[in-house]
Amino acid sequence: MKRLNNFSLKMIAVIAMAIDHIGAVLFPEYSIFRIIGRIAFPIFAFTLVEGFLYTRDIKKYMLRLGLLALISEVPFDLAVSGRLLEFGHQNVFFTMFLGIAMLYLLLKTLSKWRQFLIVLGMLLLAECLRTDYNSAGLLTIFLFYQWRGSNVLKLAGMAFVNLFYLGGSQGYACFSAIPIALYNGERGPKCKWFFYFFYPVHLFLLYILSLVI
């Protein structure tokens, strides 16, 4: 029986992400933290597509993601590299912003050729900007959207991206298929601002802890 709503999925992803970042910042010698964290992004990508499909205002949705990407960059850079600004790797909200922008542009055109160019252009942009999960992140979002009517196809697509496109420890992300498959289509409690601001706040706190420990 499908028991997980959108809120439950996001909570699972947030906990997994926090564990991942605790390992990356404080205990990099222990790979178990990073392995657990691999399930976070596919779940976030799935709920992002769900949000896109059901939001009342796509432009406001994009604006929120874009602003959070900018706000999160300093705490992300401090936690990851110890530098105030570092442009070699951008935070995951940039990936999500590009993902929503890609879906919005796809929605605006019926031409298959133009849709192909939009997806290709966004994948290349993610690579150039070096966003978190780069083109693989955008491809995951696209496949969740493109195959939104079939659990089998979208989960198979997610597994392909993580096992063969990214490979290595990212293969553990395939375990995210379990909670996603248990999604019941319901929204659950409204806590969108918690999920938005948890990301930069917890990264900044981890940076402070890394200075103390």
Protein backbone atom coordinates (compact mmCIF):
# COMPACT_ATOMS: atom_id res chain seq x y z
CA MET A 1 0.00 0.00 0.00
CA LYS A 2 1.30 3.47 -0.95
CA ARG A 3 1.69 5.43 2.26
CA LEU A 4 4.17 8.23 1.54
CA ASN A 5 2.95 11.70 0.63
CA ASN A 6 5.01 14.56 -0.81
CA PHE A 7 5.93 15.84 2.66
CA SER A 8 7.13 12.38 3.74
CA LEU A 9 9.29 12.02 0.65
CA LYS A 10 10.90 15.41 1.22
CA MET A 11 11.60 14.57 4.87
CA ILE A 12 13.36 11.35 3.82
CA ALA A 13 15.40 13.33 1.29
CA VAL A 14 16.25 16.07 3.80
CA ILE A 15 17.45 13.55 6.40
CA ALA A 16 19.52 11.67 3.80
CA MET A 17 20.99 14.96 2.53
CA ALA A 18 21.89 16.08 6.06
CA ILE A 19 23.64 12.75 6.72
CA ASP A 20 25.49 13.09 3.42
CA HIS A 21 26.69 16.60 4.23
CA ILE A 22 27.67 15.67 7.79
CA GLY A 23 29.88 13.00 6.29
CA ALA A 24 31.30 15.28 3.60
CA VAL A 25 32.12 18.16 5.96
CA LEU A 26 32.87 16.52 9.31
CA PHE A 27 33.66 12.84 8.68
CA PRO A 28 35.00 12.48 5.10
CA GLU A 29 36.85 9.29 6.05
CA TYR A 30 33.58 7.39 6.60
CA SER A 31 31.92 6.52 3.29
CA ILE A 32 28.69 5.26 4.89
CA PHE A 33 27.47 8.86 5.30
CA ARG A 34 27.88 9.52 1.56
CA ILE A 35 26.28 6.20 0.62
CA ILE A 36 23.16 6.99 2.65
CA GLY A 37 23.06 10.46 1.13
CA ARG A 38 22.91 9.15 -2.44
CA ILE A 39 19.14 8.67 -2.22
CA ALA A 40 18.46 12.37 -1.58
CA PHE A 41 18.77 13.93 -5.02
CA PRO A 42 16.50 11.53 -6.97
CA ILE A 43 13.77 12.09 -4.38
CA PHE A 44 14.21 15.86 -4.58
CA ALA A 45 14.14 15.65 -8.39
CA PHE A 46 10.92 13.63 -8.24
CA THR A 47 9.20 16.07 -5.86
CA LEU A 48 10.46 18.98 -7.97
CA VAL A 49 8.61 17.58 -10.99
CA GLU A 50 5.52 17.01 -8.84
CA GLY A 51 5.72 20.63 -7.72
CA PHE A 52 6.04 21.79 -11.33
CA LEU A 53 2.99 19.78 -12.38
CA TYR A 54 0.77 21.11 -9.61
CA THR A 55 2.03 24.64 -8.88
CA ARG A 56 -0.35 27.50 -9.56
CA ASP A 57 2.43 29.83 -10.68
CA ILE A 58 5.45 28.31 -12.42
CA LYS A 59 7.25 31.65 -12.69
CA LYS A 60 7.08 32.23 -8.93
CA TYR A 61 8.30 28.67 -8.42
CA MET A 62 11.31 29.39 -10.63
CA LEU A 63 11.94 32.69 -8.87
CA ARG A 64 12.00 31.03 -5.43
CA LEU A 65 14.46 28.40 -6.64
CA GLY A 66 16.67 31.02 -8.30
CA LEU A 67 16.77 33.17 -5.17
CA LEU A 68 17.52 30.17 -2.94
CA ALA A 69 20.33 29.17 -5.31
CA LEU A 70 21.94 32.59 -4.86
CA ILE A 71 21.35 32.65 -1.08
CA SER A 72 22.73 29.12 -0.66
CA GLU A 73 25.93 29.60 -2.63
CA VAL A 74 27.98 31.23 0.14
CA PRO A 75 27.12 28.64 2.86
CA PHE A 76 27.60 25.89 0.25
CA ASP A 77 31.05 27.15 -0.71
CA LEU A 78 32.06 27.63 2.94
CA ALA A 79 30.97 24.09 3.87
CA VAL A 80 32.44 22.38 0.81
CA SER A 81 35.65 24.33 0.20
CA GLY A 82 36.07 26.61 3.22
CA ARG A 83 36.07 29.62 0.90
CA LEU A 84 33.54 32.45 0.80
CA LEU A 85 33.02 32.05 -2.96
CA GLU A 86 34.26 29.20 -5.13
CA PHE A 87 33.00 28.84 -8.69
CA GLY A 88 34.18 25.33 -9.46
CA HIS A 89 31.01 23.69 -8.10
CA GLN A 90 27.56 25.29 -7.70
CA ASN A 91 24.91 24.23 -5.20
CA VAL A 92 21.98 21.96 -5.98
CA PHE A 93 19.42 24.77 -6.12
CA PHE A 94 21.06 25.91 -9.37
CA THR A 95 20.40 22.41 -10.71
CA MET A 96 16.77 22.60 -9.61
CA PHE A 97 16.36 26.09 -11.07
CA LEU A 98 17.69 24.94 -14.44
CA GLY A 99 15.45 21.88 -14.21
CA ILE A 100 12.30 23.93 -13.71
CA ALA A 101 13.36 26.39 -16.44
CA MET A 102 13.86 23.43 -18.79
CA LEU A 103 10.40 22.01 -18.02
CA TYR A 104 8.80 25.44 -18.44
CA LEU A 105 10.39 25.86 -21.88
CA LEU A 106 9.33 22.35 -22.88
CA LEU A 107 5.77 23.20 -21.87
CA LYS A 108 5.84 26.23 -24.15
CA THR A 109 6.70 24.39 -27.36
CA LEU A 110 5.13 21.43 -29.17
CA SER A 111 7.97 21.02 -31.65
CA LYS A 112 9.90 17.84 -30.88
CA TRP A 113 13.00 19.25 -32.55
CA ARG A 114 12.90 22.40 -30.40
CA GLN A 115 12.26 20.32 -27.29
CA PHE A 116 15.34 18.25 -28.09
CA LEU A 117 17.43 21.42 -28.45
CA ILE A 118 16.05 22.79 -25.17
CA VAL A 119 17.01 19.65 -23.26
CA LEU A 120 20.43 19.45 -24.91
CA GLY A 121 21.08 23.15 -24.24
CA MET A 122 20.13 22.83 -20.58
CA LEU A 123 22.31 19.74 -20.13
CA LEU A 124 25.27 21.61 -21.61
CA LEU A 125 24.53 24.68 -19.45
CA ALA A 126 24.53 22.53 -16.30
CA GLU A 127 27.94 21.16 -17.32
CA CYS A 128 29.33 24.62 -18.05
CA LEU A 129 28.07 26.05 -14.75
CA ARG A 130 29.22 22.92 -12.88
CA THR A 131 26.01 22.66 -10.92
CA ASP A 132 25.60 19.88 -8.36
CA TYR A 133 25.01 16.61 -10.27
CA ASN A 134 25.56 18.66 -13.48
CA SER A 135 23.89 17.25 -16.63
CA ALA A 136 22.99 14.00 -14.84
CA GLY A 137 20.82 15.98 -12.44
CA LEU A 138 19.02 17.71 -15.31
CA LEU A 139 18.59 14.41 -17.13
CA THR A 140 17.05 12.85 -14.01
CA ILE A 141 14.55 15.70 -13.77
CA PHE A 142 13.74 15.41 -17.47
CA LEU A 143 13.14 11.65 -17.29
CA PHE A 144 10.89 12.00 -14.24
CA TYR A 145 8.86 14.54 -16.22
CA GLN A 146 8.91 12.78 -19.58
CA TRP A 147 7.85 9.43 -18.09
CA ARG A 148 5.65 10.82 -15.33
CA GLY A 149 2.81 8.49 -16.35
CA SER A 150 4.81 5.30 -15.76
CA ASN A 151 6.49 4.38 -12.47
CA VAL A 152 8.46 1.63 -14.20
CA LEU A 153 9.93 3.88 -16.91
CA LYS A 154 10.79 6.84 -14.70
CA LEU A 155 12.44 4.66 -12.04
CA ALA A 156 14.29 2.69 -14.73
CA GLY A 157 15.49 5.97 -16.21
CA MET A 158 16.67 7.17 -12.80
CA ALA A 159 18.50 3.88 -12.26
CA PHE A 160 20.18 4.16 -15.67
CA VAL A 161 21.45 7.67 -14.92
CA ASN A 162 22.89 6.67 -11.56
CA LEU A 163 24.29 3.27 -12.47
CA PHE A 164 25.71 3.98 -15.92
CA TYR A 165 25.89 7.75 -16.47
CA LEU A 166 27.35 8.58 -13.04
CA GLY A 167 28.41 5.15 -11.76
CA GLY A 168 30.48 4.40 -8.69
CA SER A 169 28.89 5.07 -5.31
CA GLN A 170 26.13 7.02 -7.03
CA GLY A 171 24.62 3.66 -7.87
CA TYR A 172 23.28 3.56 -4.30
CA ALA A 173 20.87 6.29 -5.38
CA CYS A 174 18.79 3.51 -6.93
CA PHE A 175 17.47 2.75 -3.44
CA SER A 176 15.50 5.99 -3.73
CA ALA A 177 13.15 4.00 -5.99
CA ILE A 178 11.63 2.41 -2.87
CA PRO A 179 10.18 5.57 -1.25
CA ILE A 180 9.30 7.03 -4.66
CA ALA A 181 7.34 3.88 -5.54
CA LEU A 182 5.42 4.28 -2.26
CA TYR A 183 4.28 7.81 -3.15
CA ASN A 184 0.51 8.13 -2.88
CA GLY A 185 0.08 11.37 -4.83
CA GLU A 186 -0.98 13.39 -1.78
CA ARG A 187 0.64 16.64 -0.71
CA GLY A 188 0.71 16.28 3.06
CA PRO A 189 1.52 19.15 5.48
CA LYS A 190 2.60 22.47 3.93
CA CYS A 191 6.17 23.24 5.01
CA LYS A 192 7.76 24.56 1.82
CA TRP A 193 9.79 27.28 3.55
CA PHE A 194 11.32 24.74 5.92
CA PHE A 195 12.53 22.66 2.98
CA TYR A 196 13.86 25.73 1.18
CA PHE A 197 15.79 27.26 4.06
CA PHE A 198 16.99 24.05 5.69
CA TYR A 199 19.58 23.72 2.92
CA PRO A 200 21.58 26.95 3.42
CA VAL A 201 21.10 26.99 7.21
CA HIS A 202 22.35 23.46 7.82
CA LEU A 203 25.33 24.00 5.50
CA PHE A 204 26.34 27.13 7.42
CA LEU A 205 25.99 25.31 10.75
CA LEU A 206 28.15 22.46 9.46
CA TYR A 207 30.79 24.96 8.40
CA ILE A 208 30.79 26.48 11.91
CA LEU A 209 31.06 22.98 13.44
CA SER A 210 33.98 22.17 11.14
CA LEU A 211 35.85 25.16 12.59
CA VAL A 212 35.17 24.08 16.15
CA ILE A 213 35.78 20.32 15.92
